[in-house]
């Protein structure tokens, strides 16, 4: 799912009451409540393996410290940030004690940039890797509330302390309905680490990224922190699109999250009444390497398959998200049912929305789970665009064009004769 952005297209707000619709009641996205500040906690692995010098010729910990400093400097003012570490203090060999080694070094709240950077600068790689315990503790640090919260986990190794297994912890947090998203960043090209971090991210609707350079790590952390600012006002409702419109989920206005495989088509349905306008947008997060020739298409079709409108690109220049949006009015001819002569309510038209992508994975890129999709739906009173001037049809239009051509030719001829006469005289 995609929690996350200020969206690539404007967040569309509205509620369509299920009692006004015929047929099955649509899924209702959770209502937005007064927004809390966006909350993020960065969780950094400071275990012994972070001493390795294999990122741009530097140690993993020094690259992470530099990335943290740059992120703290660029932190949006309204974002509340916390920092938790694991494996940072215990230098002994007692695994039982070492696997309790996790501390919050910066509490979640408005950030004192100087104090935060000073706390990170003193870290030295030391002990074990209790990832599961750190995730559970970070969730407590962020607390509960009405808005989504984000954990960004940066680690170079597999959990060495299970239980608790970090995947199980992630599933446990997701099952609690705590609106918590965990994004993971891997600093080592290790298949076991990749699988574990992907499992953590998938369980909570987050993303996994392998960072192989200082620039990649810094850029990705900044993106994730920025995304927390953009999407914290609404935790999307999870839905599953279908392979055809007939059995697709019926959606009311709101924000929804899904996942879509490479080159897949996913269908959803939205009820629209005469005199109403459907506004929809979709954003797909590029949470893994894909070929540059990618695109997202959003289309609206009638129940019989006729295409009503297709969306246009609605990107904001970001490279980690591809978006599209569309508008369609329920007053279009031949689609909406005609108003009844009686006072009975006119049944809504079911519009089919299909999200398609042309993503192609790079060699070695994992195809599962699908790419995170965020779909925003709104239904409002239609606002038709002003009609263009009517130039007529058939013979009338032909006559107008002929007269315009003759007048243009006459003016050009007169100007040419004047210019030649003047040139000869001079």
Protein backbone atom coordinates (compact mmCIF):
# COMPACT_ATOMS: atom_id res chain seq x y z
CA UNK A 1 0.00 0.00 0.00
CA UNK A 2 0.94 3.15 -0.52
CA UNK A 3 0.73 5.57 2.44
CA UNK A 4 2.93 8.18 1.80
CA UNK A 5 2.58 12.17 -0.77
CA UNK A 6 0.97 15.71 -1.09
CA UNK A 7 -0.12 13.19 -3.66
CA UNK A 8 1.13 13.14 -7.25
CA UNK A 9 -2.40 14.31 -7.98
CA UNK A 10 -4.56 16.35 -5.58
CA UNK A 11 -6.14 14.37 -2.77
CA UNK A 12 -9.80 14.06 -3.61
CA UNK A 13 -12.25 14.30 -0.70
CA UNK A 14 -15.87 13.20 -0.45
CA UNK A 15 -18.24 10.58 0.94
CA UNK A 16 -20.93 8.80 -1.08
CA UNK A 17 -23.55 7.36 1.27
CA UNK A 18 -24.23 3.69 0.67
CA UNK A 19 -27.91 4.28 1.32
CA UNK A 20 -28.23 6.32 -1.88
CA UNK A 21 -26.93 3.53 -4.10
CA UNK A 22 -28.65 0.59 -5.63
CA UNK A 23 -26.97 -2.80 -5.60
CA UNK A 24 -24.26 -3.91 -3.16
CA UNK A 25 -22.90 -1.32 -0.77
CA UNK A 26 -19.47 -0.03 -1.82
CA UNK A 27 -16.36 -0.30 0.27
CA UNK A 28 -16.08 2.84 2.38
CA UNK A 29 -12.68 4.37 2.92
CA UNK A 30 -12.02 5.56 6.43
CA UNK A 31 -13.09 9.16 7.02
CA UNK A 32 -10.32 11.68 7.47
CA UNK A 33 -10.10 13.22 10.92
CA UNK A 34 -8.19 16.33 11.98
CA UNK A 35 -4.61 15.64 10.98
CA UNK A 36 -1.89 14.88 13.49
CA UNK A 37 1.66 15.85 12.62
CA UNK A 38 3.39 13.24 10.45
CA UNK A 39 5.44 10.91 12.64
CA UNK A 40 8.50 8.92 11.55
CA UNK A 41 11.07 6.89 13.44
CA UNK A 42 14.39 5.95 11.86
CA UNK A 43 15.72 2.64 13.19
CA UNK A 44 19.45 2.15 12.60
CA UNK A 45 21.42 -1.07 12.91
CA UNK A 46 24.68 -0.36 14.78
CA UNK A 47 25.75 -4.01 15.14
CA UNK A 48 29.36 -5.09 14.58
CA UNK A 49 28.91 -5.82 10.88
CA UNK A 50 28.31 -2.10 10.20
CA UNK A 51 32.10 -1.64 10.43
CA UNK A 52 32.53 -3.21 6.96
CA UNK A 53 34.14 -0.84 4.43
CA UNK A 54 32.23 -1.75 1.28
CA UNK A 55 30.09 1.29 0.37
CA UNK A 56 32.03 3.74 -1.81
CA UNK A 57 35.18 2.68 0.07
CA UNK A 58 33.71 3.77 3.39
CA UNK A 59 32.28 1.95 6.38
CA UNK A 60 28.56 1.26 6.40
CA UNK A 61 28.09 3.16 9.65
CA UNK A 62 29.82 6.32 8.34
CA UNK A 63 27.63 6.30 5.23
CA UNK A 64 24.52 5.88 7.41
CA UNK A 65 25.62 8.71 9.71
CA UNK A 66 26.13 11.04 6.75
CA UNK A 67 22.71 10.11 5.36
CA UNK A 68 21.07 10.77 8.74
CA UNK A 69 22.69 14.21 8.98
CA UNK A 70 21.46 15.22 5.53
CA UNK A 71 17.97 13.92 6.22
CA UNK A 72 17.77 15.79 9.54
CA UNK A 73 18.88 19.02 7.83
CA UNK A 74 16.20 18.62 5.12
CA UNK A 75 13.42 17.49 7.48
CA UNK A 76 10.05 19.19 6.82
CA UNK A 77 9.19 21.52 9.70
CA UNK A 78 5.91 19.80 10.62
CA UNK A 79 7.36 16.26 10.68
CA UNK A 80 7.99 14.70 14.08
CA UNK A 81 11.07 12.46 13.98
CA UNK A 82 12.50 9.90 16.36
CA UNK A 83 15.67 7.82 16.11
CA UNK A 84 16.14 4.34 17.59
CA UNK A 85 19.26 2.18 17.39
CA UNK A 86 19.95 -1.51 17.88
CA UNK A 87 23.20 -3.24 18.78
CA UNK A 88 24.79 0.06 19.79
CA UNK A 89 25.92 -0.34 23.41
CA UNK A 90 26.57 -3.92 24.54
CA UNK A 91 30.12 -5.08 23.78
CA UNK A 92 30.02 -8.41 25.58
CA UNK A 93 29.48 -11.99 24.36
CA UNK A 94 26.31 -12.80 26.30
CA UNK A 95 23.75 -13.18 23.53
CA UNK A 96 20.78 -13.02 25.88
CA UNK A 97 21.87 -9.62 27.12
CA UNK A 98 23.05 -8.44 23.71
CA UNK A 99 19.67 -9.22 22.19
CA UNK A 100 18.04 -6.67 24.52
CA UNK A 101 20.27 -3.91 23.15
CA UNK A 102 17.98 -1.30 21.59
CA UNK A 103 17.55 2.32 22.66
CA UNK A 104 15.68 5.39 21.48
CA UNK A 105 18.33 8.11 21.23
CA UNK A 106 16.00 10.83 19.89
CA UNK A 107 12.35 10.84 21.09
CA UNK A 108 9.58 11.28 18.53
CA UNK A 109 8.71 14.94 18.32
CA UNK A 110 9.83 18.28 16.87
CA UNK A 111 13.49 17.81 16.06
CA UNK A 112 16.43 19.59 17.63
CA UNK A 113 18.70 19.18 14.61
CA UNK A 114 21.93 19.83 16.49
CA UNK A 115 21.13 17.35 19.26
CA UNK A 116 19.93 14.69 16.79
CA UNK A 117 23.09 14.89 14.66
CA UNK A 118 25.28 14.83 17.77
CA UNK A 119 23.53 11.68 19.03
CA UNK A 120 24.05 9.89 15.71
CA UNK A 121 27.70 11.00 15.40
CA UNK A 122 28.68 9.19 18.61
CA UNK A 123 27.45 5.76 17.42
CA UNK A 124 30.04 3.00 17.01
CA UNK A 125 29.30 -0.53 15.66
CA UNK A 126 29.18 -2.87 18.61
CA UNK A 127 26.88 -5.81 19.16
CA UNK A 128 24.06 -8.10 18.07
CA UNK A 129 21.13 -7.45 15.69
CA UNK A 130 17.76 -7.56 17.54
CA UNK A 131 15.65 -6.30 14.61
CA UNK A 132 12.36 -7.79 15.82
CA UNK A 133 12.67 -6.25 19.29
CA UNK A 134 13.64 -2.88 17.80
CA UNK A 135 10.59 -2.86 15.51
CA UNK A 136 8.24 -3.67 18.37
CA UNK A 137 9.84 -0.91 20.48
CA UNK A 138 9.68 1.61 17.61
CA UNK A 139 5.95 0.97 17.24
CA UNK A 140 5.52 1.85 20.91
CA UNK A 141 7.65 4.97 20.43
CA UNK A 142 5.28 6.22 17.72
CA UNK A 143 2.16 5.50 19.77
CA UNK A 144 -1.36 5.29 18.39
CA UNK A 145 -3.48 7.86 16.62
CA UNK A 146 -5.77 8.57 13.70
CA UNK A 147 -3.06 8.87 11.06
CA UNK A 148 -0.51 6.54 9.52
CA UNK A 149 2.96 6.47 11.04
CA UNK A 150 6.20 5.29 9.48
CA UNK A 151 9.24 3.30 10.57
CA UNK A 152 12.30 3.38 8.31
CA UNK A 153 14.59 0.44 9.14
CA UNK A 154 18.22 0.63 7.93
CA UNK A 155 20.24 -2.55 8.42
CA UNK A 156 22.99 -4.60 6.80
CA UNK A 157 22.22 -7.93 8.36
CA UNK A 158 19.71 -10.56 9.27
CA UNK A 159 18.19 -10.61 12.75
CA UNK A 160 20.54 -12.61 15.00
CA UNK A 161 18.27 -12.63 18.04
CA UNK A 162 14.95 -14.23 17.02
CA UNK A 163 12.62 -14.73 18.74
CA UNK A 164 10.90 -12.44 18.19
CA UNK A 165 11.20 -13.00 14.47
CA UNK A 166 11.02 -9.60 12.71
CA UNK A 167 8.61 -10.90 10.05
CA UNK A 168 6.26 -12.14 12.74
CA UNK A 169 6.56 -8.81 14.56
CA UNK A 170 5.63 -6.96 11.34
CA UNK A 171 2.60 -9.22 10.81
CA UNK A 172 1.62 -8.72 14.44
CA UNK A 173 1.78 -4.93 14.09
CA UNK A 174 -0.23 -5.05 10.85
CA UNK A 175 -2.88 -7.29 12.43
CA UNK A 176 -3.36 -4.78 15.24
CA UNK A 177 -4.63 -2.24 12.70
CA UNK A 178 -2.20 0.36 14.03
CA UNK A 179 -1.81 2.20 10.69
CA UNK A 180 1.90 1.55 10.87
CA UNK A 181 4.08 1.25 7.75
CA UNK A 182 7.60 -0.16 7.84
CA UNK A 183 9.96 0.68 4.98
CA UNK A 184 13.23 -1.24 4.89
CA UNK A 185 16.65 -0.33 3.46
CA UNK A 186 19.28 -3.04 3.01
CA UNK A 187 22.98 -2.10 3.04
CA UNK A 188 24.40 -5.51 2.12
CA UNK A 189 23.82 -7.56 -1.08
CA UNK A 190 22.77 -10.65 0.85
CA UNK A 191 19.83 -12.79 -0.28
CA UNK A 192 18.74 -13.79 3.25
CA UNK A 193 18.76 -10.18 4.37
CA UNK A 194 16.80 -9.15 1.28
CA UNK A 195 14.12 -11.80 1.89
CA UNK A 196 13.73 -10.81 5.53
CA UNK A 197 13.49 -7.08 4.81
CA UNK A 198 11.05 -7.69 1.95
CA UNK A 199 8.89 -9.78 4.27
CA UNK A 200 8.83 -7.00 6.90
CA UNK A 201 7.90 -4.36 4.32
CA UNK A 202 5.25 -6.50 2.63
CA UNK A 203 3.50 -7.33 5.89
CA UNK A 204 2.92 -3.65 6.67
CA UNK A 205 2.38 -2.25 3.18
CA UNK A 206 5.84 -0.68 3.08
CA UNK A 207 8.69 -0.84 0.58
CA UNK A 208 12.09 -2.54 0.41
CA UNK A 209 15.11 -0.95 -1.24
CA UNK A 210 18.72 -2.08 -1.54
CA UNK A 211 21.07 0.90 -1.06
CA UNK A 212 24.52 0.31 -2.55
CA UNK A 213 25.91 3.85 -2.33
CA UNK A 214 25.81 6.87 -0.04
CA UNK A 215 23.71 8.83 -2.54
CA UNK A 216 21.17 5.99 -2.87
CA UNK A 217 20.80 5.70 0.89
CA UNK A 218 20.44 9.44 1.48
CA UNK A 219 18.02 9.91 -1.40
CA UNK A 220 15.82 7.01 -0.39
CA UNK A 221 15.55 8.04 3.27
CA UNK A 222 14.61 11.56 2.19
CA UNK A 223 11.92 10.17 -0.12
CA UNK A 224 10.43 8.04 2.64
CA UNK A 225 10.40 10.88 5.18
CA UNK A 226 8.84 13.17 2.56
CA UNK A 227 6.24 10.54 1.77
CA UNK A 228 5.26 10.39 5.43
CA UNK A 229 4.51 14.12 5.26
CA UNK A 230 2.47 13.70 2.09
CA UNK A 231 0.28 10.77 3.08
CA UNK A 232 -0.09 10.89 6.83
CA UNK A 233 -3.53 12.53 6.65
CA UNK A 234 -5.24 9.37 5.45
CA UNK A 235 -4.39 5.74 5.95
CA UNK A 236 -5.60 4.04 2.74
CA UNK A 237 -8.15 1.24 2.98
CA UNK A 238 -6.72 -2.01 1.59
CA UNK A 239 -8.65 -3.52 -1.35
CA UNK A 240 -7.88 -6.13 -3.98
CA UNK A 241 -8.63 -5.32 -7.60
CA UNK A 242 -9.88 -8.08 -9.91
CA UNK A 243 -8.99 -9.30 -13.38
CA UNK A 244 -12.37 -8.14 -14.78
CA UNK A 245 -15.00 -5.54 -13.95
CA UNK A 246 -17.88 -7.90 -13.20
CA UNK A 247 -16.52 -9.05 -9.84
CA UNK A 248 -14.33 -6.03 -9.03
CA UNK A 249 -14.68 -4.33 -5.61
CA UNK A 250 -17.27 -1.55 -5.45
CA UNK A 251 -15.65 1.63 -4.08
CA UNK A 252 -17.05 4.77 -2.47
CA UNK A 253 -15.01 8.00 -2.41
CA UNK A 254 -11.80 7.65 -0.44
CA UNK A 255 -8.20 6.47 -0.62
CA UNK A 256 -7.40 2.81 -1.28
CA UNK A 257 -4.24 0.69 -1.38
CA UNK A 258 -3.53 -2.37 -3.52
CA UNK A 259 -0.58 -4.13 -5.15
CA UNK A 260 -0.20 -4.79 -8.86
CA UNK A 261 2.16 -7.20 -10.60
CA UNK A 262 4.32 -6.21 -13.56
CA UNK A 263 2.24 -5.58 -16.73
CA UNK A 264 -1.01 -6.36 -14.89
CA UNK A 265 -4.52 -4.90 -15.25
CA UNK A 266 -6.62 -4.44 -12.09
CA UNK A 267 -10.32 -3.50 -12.12
CA UNK A 268 -12.47 -1.59 -9.64
CA UNK A 269 -16.07 -0.28 -9.79
CA UNK A 270 -17.48 3.12 -8.78
CA UNK A 271 -21.22 4.07 -8.74
CA UNK A 272 -21.90 7.45 -10.43
CA UNK A 273 -25.32 9.12 -10.64
CA UNK A 274 -26.56 11.45 -13.41
CA UNK A 275 -25.33 14.96 -12.68
CA UNK A 276 -22.27 13.66 -10.85
CA UNK A 277 -18.63 13.64 -11.88
CA UNK A 278 -16.12 10.91 -11.15
CA UNK A 279 -12.60 12.04 -10.33
CA UNK A 280 -9.95 9.38 -9.89
CA UNK A 281 -6.19 9.23 -9.62
CA UNK A 282 -3.69 6.43 -9.20
CA UNK A 283 -0.07 6.40 -8.04
CA UNK A 284 2.28 3.43 -8.30
CA UNK A 285 5.43 3.47 -6.17
CA UNK A 286 8.63 2.22 -7.82
CA UNK A 287 9.93 0.31 -4.83
CA UNK A 288 12.36 -1.85 -6.82
CA UNK A 289 14.54 -1.49 -9.95
CA UNK A 290 12.52 -1.31 -13.18
CA UNK A 291 13.46 -0.50 -16.76
CA UNK A 292 13.10 3.19 -17.70
CA UNK A 293 10.36 2.56 -20.29
CA UNK A 294 7.58 2.34 -17.69
CA UNK A 295 4.14 3.93 -17.57
CA UNK A 296 0.79 3.78 -15.77
CA UNK A 297 -2.60 4.04 -17.48
CA UNK A 298 -5.93 4.71 -15.73
CA UNK A 299 -9.12 4.16 -17.80
CA UNK A 300 -12.85 4.41 -17.13
CA UNK A 301 -15.15 2.09 -19.07
CA UNK A 302 -18.85 1.30 -19.17
CA UNK A 303 -20.03 -2.05 -17.84
CA UNK A 304 -20.22 -3.38 -21.42
CA UNK A 305 -16.56 -2.59 -22.01
CA UNK A 306 -16.87 0.68 -23.96
CA UNK A 307 -14.10 3.07 -23.02
CA UNK A 308 -15.45 6.35 -21.56
CA UNK A 309 -12.21 8.20 -20.91
CA UNK A 310 -8.57 7.43 -20.31
CA UNK A 311 -6.41 9.25 -17.83
CA UNK A 312 -3.50 11.54 -18.45
CA UNK A 313 -0.10 11.55 -16.82
CA UNK A 314 -0.24 13.42 -13.53
CA UNK A 315 3.35 13.09 -12.36
CA UNK A 316 5.04 15.74 -10.23
CA UNK A 317 8.56 15.14 -11.45
CA UNK A 318 9.35 12.51 -8.82
CA UNK A 319 11.19 9.43 -10.02
CA UNK A 320 9.93 7.03 -7.36
CA UNK A 321 6.21 7.40 -8.15
CA UNK A 322 4.30 7.24 -11.46
CA UNK A 323 0.77 8.67 -11.52
CA UNK A 324 -2.26 9.27 -13.73
CA UNK A 325 -5.68 10.86 -13.24
CA UNK A 326 -9.04 11.22 -15.00
CA UNK A 327 -12.41 12.95 -14.80
CA UNK A 328 -15.72 11.68 -16.21
CA UNK A 329 -19.18 13.20 -15.92
CA UNK A 330 -22.23 11.06 -15.29
CA UNK A 331 -24.21 13.18 -17.76
CA UNK A 332 -22.41 11.73 -20.79
CA UNK A 333 -24.86 10.68 -23.51
CA UNK A 334 -25.57 7.01 -23.93
CA UNK A 335 -24.10 5.95 -20.61
CA UNK A 336 -26.13 7.22 -17.68
CA UNK A 337 -29.74 6.08 -17.29
CA UNK A 338 -32.41 8.60 -18.27
CA UNK A 339 -34.19 10.37 -15.42
CA UNK A 340 -37.45 8.72 -14.44
CA UNK A 341 -40.78 10.48 -14.85
CA UNK A 342 -41.64 9.44 -11.31
CA UNK A 343 -40.06 10.64 -8.08
CA UNK A 344 -38.20 7.34 -7.69
CA UNK A 345 -34.43 7.81 -7.37
CA UNK A 346 -32.50 7.22 -10.59
CA UNK A 347 -30.16 4.23 -10.22
CA UNK A 348 -26.46 4.94 -10.34
CA UNK A 349 -24.30 3.92 -13.29
CA UNK A 350 -21.46 1.58 -12.44
CA UNK A 351 -18.24 2.88 -13.96
CA UNK A 352 -15.38 0.42 -14.28
CA UNK A 353 -11.89 1.71 -13.49
CA UNK A 354 -8.88 -0.24 -14.72
CA UNK A 355 -5.30 0.40 -13.62
CA UNK A 356 -2.68 -0.90 -16.07
CA UNK A 357 1.09 -0.66 -15.95
CA UNK A 358 3.88 -1.24 -18.44
CA UNK A 359 6.58 -1.96 -15.87
CA UNK A 360 9.36 -4.36 -16.82
CA UNK A 361 11.68 -5.61 -14.07
CA UNK A 362 15.41 -5.40 -14.43
CA UNK A 363 17.37 -8.68 -14.38
CA UNK A 364 17.34 -10.18 -10.90
CA UNK A 365 14.42 -8.02 -9.68
CA UNK A 366 11.86 -9.90 -7.64
CA UNK A 367 8.35 -9.83 -9.13
CA UNK A 368 6.46 -10.57 -5.90
CA UNK A 369 4.79 -8.92 -4.13
CA UNK A 370 3.25 -6.52 -6.64
CA UNK A 371 4.06 -2.82 -6.88
CA UNK A 372 2.31 -0.63 -4.25
CA UNK A 373 -0.74 1.10 -5.76
CA UNK A 374 -2.68 3.98 -4.22
CA UNK A 375 -6.08 4.79 -5.75
CA UNK A 376 -8.00 7.96 -4.87
CA UNK A 377 -11.71 8.19 -5.72
CA UNK A 378 -14.12 11.12 -5.48
CA UNK A 379 -17.66 11.69 -6.80
CA UNK A 380 -18.88 15.30 -6.90
CA UNK A 381 -21.51 17.41 -8.64
CA UNK A 382 -20.55 17.64 -12.30
CA UNK A 383 -19.02 20.85 -13.59
CA UNK A 384 -19.13 20.73 -17.39
CA UNK A 385 -16.54 22.75 -19.29
CA UNK A 386 -17.83 25.71 -21.37
CA UNK A 387 -18.88 24.70 -24.87
CA UNK A 388 -16.69 25.78 -27.79
CA UNK A 389 -18.11 28.16 -30.43
CA UNK A 390 -20.29 26.28 -32.95
CA UNK A 391 -18.96 26.79 -36.50
CA UNK A 392 -21.74 24.80 -38.11
CA UNK A 393 -21.74 21.51 -39.97
CA UNK A 394 -21.78 20.23 -43.56
CA UNK A 395 -22.30 22.83 -46.36
CA UNK A 396 -22.42 25.74 -43.91
CA UNK A 397 -18.97 24.88 -42.53
CA UNK A 398 -17.62 24.39 -46.08
CA UNK A 399 -18.95 27.80 -47.14
CA UNK A 400 -17.36 29.50 -44.12
CA UNK A 401 -13.99 27.89 -44.85
CA UNK A 402 -14.22 28.87 -48.58
CA UNK A 403 -14.98 32.50 -47.79
CA UNK A 404 -12.16 32.63 -45.27
CA UNK A 405 -9.75 31.25 -47.89
CA UNK A 406 -10.84 33.78 -50.52
CA UNK A 407 -10.47 36.73 -48.15
CA UNK A 408 -7.04 35.53 -47.05
CA UNK A 409 -5.91 35.17 -50.67
CA UNK A 410 -7.21 38.64 -51.57
CA UNK A 411 -5.38 40.30 -48.67
CA UNK A 412 -2.13 38.48 -49.44
CA UNK A 413 -2.39 39.46 -53.17
CA UNK A 414 -2.93 43.15 -52.41
CA UNK A 415 -0.01 43.24 -49.98
CA UNK A 416 2.25 41.53 -52.54
CA UNK A 417 1.36 44.00 -55.32
CA UNK A 418 2.02 46.94 -52.99
CA UNK A 419 5.40 45.54 -51.94
CA UNK A 420 6.50 44.93 -55.59
CA UNK A 421 5.41 48.39 -56.68
CA UNK A 422 7.29 50.00 -53.81
CA UNK A 423 10.44 47.94 -54.47
CA UNK A 424 10.51 48.93 -58.21
CA UNK A 425 10.02 52.62 -57.42
CA UNK A 426 12.96 52.58 -55.01
